[in-house]
Amino acid sequence: MNRLGNLSAPDFEDLCRDILQAETGQRFSAFGAGADGGVDGRHSKGTRSTVLQCKHYLDSTFSQLKLALKNEVPKIDLLNPSRYIFLTSQSLTPARSNELADVLGDRLKHQEDIWGAEDIEAALKRHPDIEKANLKLWMTSTAVLERVLQSGLEAHTEATKAEILDELRVYVRNPSFDAAFEKLELNRVLVVSGPPGVGKTTLAKMLTYHYLNDDWQFCAIRSLDDGFAKLDEEKRTIFFFDDFLGQIELDRQALIQRDGQLARFVKRVRASKNSRFILTTRAHIFEEARRLSDHMDEGRFQLSKFLLDVGQYTRSIKARIFFNHLAASDLKSDHVEALLQDDWLKKVVDHPNYNPRLIAHIAAEFPEEWEPSEYPKFAYKTLENPALIWAKAYRSLSMRCQNLLVALYFGNQYRQPIKVLRENFNAIHNKICEHYSQPSKPEDFEEALKSLESGFVTISGNQVRFVNPSVRDFLKEHLSDGSFLGLLPTLSVRAEWARNLWDHLKNTFRTDPDKLKALAQEFCEFASKLDQIPNFSKVKSAQYNYWFRELDDLSIAERGSFLLDLFEHADDRGFLDAAISVLTSDVLDIEASRDARDLPELHWRISGFVDPGVEVKEVLLISVEAALVKAIEAGVPMDELVAVKDAIDEYLDEAIDLGPIEDAINSAIDYEFDEISTTISDLSSETELNEHVEMLEFIARHTGRSAETAKTVVLEKISEIEVPDYDDYQPSSRGRSSHADAEFSDNDLMSLFSTLSK
């Protein structure tokens, strides 16, 4: 297979210019693809000029290539260059090369100025940096594809080899790639931000491919605990955290739980020569997080300094993205011909709603039964109303499929185990079908999942998620029918699902307090069961073949906060009784770090917002205090003790009896100081141990203790560590982004796309 086939016509022209510049040492100016007057690159010096022309004719016959060259002869005569160089992606035998030379006659100064595919491949071997800088060339080799698949990146994104190649064919490298790479190398941390659908995850993946080609390991993380577990200063590892603050809106609870941990992880990565960290988030989510988080923008962290806002595409880049998608699609030349009429092409490329995700849909989802002449209107209407992408498809789904999407929407926003999704689906499906007088069958879950796969959801192992966040965007707006949503509270079977449903109801009916009150009261039955719904599950580690316990539903503090919120809207004391049951439950287990950090704020909310006349208020406060002591005694890690103490100082009133809480904190701190050899036994790197020294000093300053003895033990362990002997990472050449002229006229636009209509 000729790997040049993975390049679009503009990509091929860029490659040819790069090769000729490397071969001759001369810089060639770029010209747009299409009716370019016989010029795809030109170098001028004084009265002498060199013109190069590229014909990406892989899918054409030699006769067609020869005819195309004949048609260029009048243009060459008009230009009258000192030297004319012709490059084609077709394979040329000596005989065919001679035939092309005969067409050019004395316009060709040197026989070697005709280049075929073999000549281009030979030049790439002479200039390996050009190949390394071009993802679409080196990513097509079987060995590289296997390495990418084995890295874990594509297991994370559920891509196959064919899908990787499809994505590469439509990718247009643009200035944001270079800016991202430079910022990542400078800081070792990069936050890729931007509006929905602009290509944040695609950019992150392309950056990651570059590192994988330099033999780095890949680690996709869904929690910072995953990241800390994989940090190894001797192994070059690139970490990737997609939608780290939430997919379509800020996950406030995750922010509260992660911001301090994120600061520490970023610090560790920045201290390591062999680590890089890429995070993605929507721009509005990041801005909201900065307003709410103490760590996001404070002087010692300033996550915003790692921020790159993508999506600011020039007209040239937007045109090439659309061009590549059309070139890789099954659409015929008639569809493109229709686009070239009546300014339709300009309306698409210059549309204010233009983004790569919509362009991908426009190129791939045109109904086969429609006439090509209808294609421009389809493209334009999609951009005018992006919600139509999913609305029409959703309306055509069976009720079982719609119910499965509802079950998935209110579950974990990243992905959901099939077992959990089935549980949530079964809880709502039969009742909804019964309410709307629709039939249901035992096999509805399996059939719905099979029907939705690839179109609306993707399945990886035993995990299900939406095919991309725009499905969740659509459902957020679509699920607004109060009568339908009112069925769901009593059908909830998991705490997280019910809490997410409640958050959606609050957002949907925020201007209708009476409606919200009525909906809150619908949770009464579920609330009474909340103390009996387990929050931990047993999970088997595939890597180490042992079982461990994992939090897989709302923590005790999160359940208490959810119930208090329902009480505030419903004014029903039953929710406070349910909160007491949750806080004192024998079924629920403490999640030490999370509960110890969150319970002080719950105590503050109850103190300030529950009327003193409510007789269970005192019992509720005492229950929170007892749960807090239990959480601290369960074993809060030292790095979390600081956050717990800060929360206690901020939220707990001095008027209450802090004795038991302070005793628990002091006991935990004493253990950290007195049993220092045990607490640092799992720490093996100098960075980790230095961080531990900093935490000892911080706690000592805030508690009046002396940290000297404990510090001595840590410093002795540091002195015993042999500094690893590894070379600094020298990034391989990444070339340059696609040629994007400042000016890209209407003629340039028409010329580019006219090559697809032939």
Foldseek 3Di string as FASTA:
>chain_A
DLLCVLEDPLRVLVLVQVLVCVVPVFHWDADFFFPGLLAGTKGDDPPAIEGEDEDAPQVHDLVVVLVVLLVSQVSCVVVVHPAYAYEYAADDDPVSLVSSCVSNDVNHPDSVSYYYNVNSVVSCVVVVLSQLQQCSRPCLDPVLVVLVVVLCPCLLLVDDSVRVSLLSLLDFFDPLLVVLVVLCLVQLEAEEEEAPQFQSVVSVVVNVSLVVVVVAGEAEDAAVVSVVVPDDLVGQYEYEYEQNQFAPAGPVLSLLVPLLVVQLSSVSSRVGLRYHYYYYHYPVRLVVSVVVDPRCCDPVRPVVSNYDYDRPDDLQRLLSSLLSLQVSAPDALLLLVLCLPPCLLVLQSVPPQDHSVLSNCLNYPDDPVDDSNCSSVVSNVCSVPVLVSVPVVQVPDDLLLVLLVLLQLLFPQPKDFLVSSVLSSVLPPVVVCVVVVHDDDPCSSVVSCVVPDPPFWHDNDRIIHGSGCVSSVSCLVVPQDLVVLLSPLVSDDAASSNLSSLVSVCVNPVVPLVSNLVSLVSNLVVLQCHLVREQKDWDADPVPGDIDIDGDGDALLRSLVSLVVSCVSNVDCSSLVSNLSSLPRPRYDHPQLSLLLRLLQSLQCLVPPPDPVPVCSVVSNVSSLVSNLVSLQVADQLSSLVSSVVSCVPRPDPPDPCVSVVVSSVVNVCCCQVVVCVSCVPPQDLSVLVVVLVSLVVVCVVPVHDNVVSNVVSVVSSVPHDDDDDDRDDRRNNDDGRDDDNDQDPVSSSRNSVVSSD
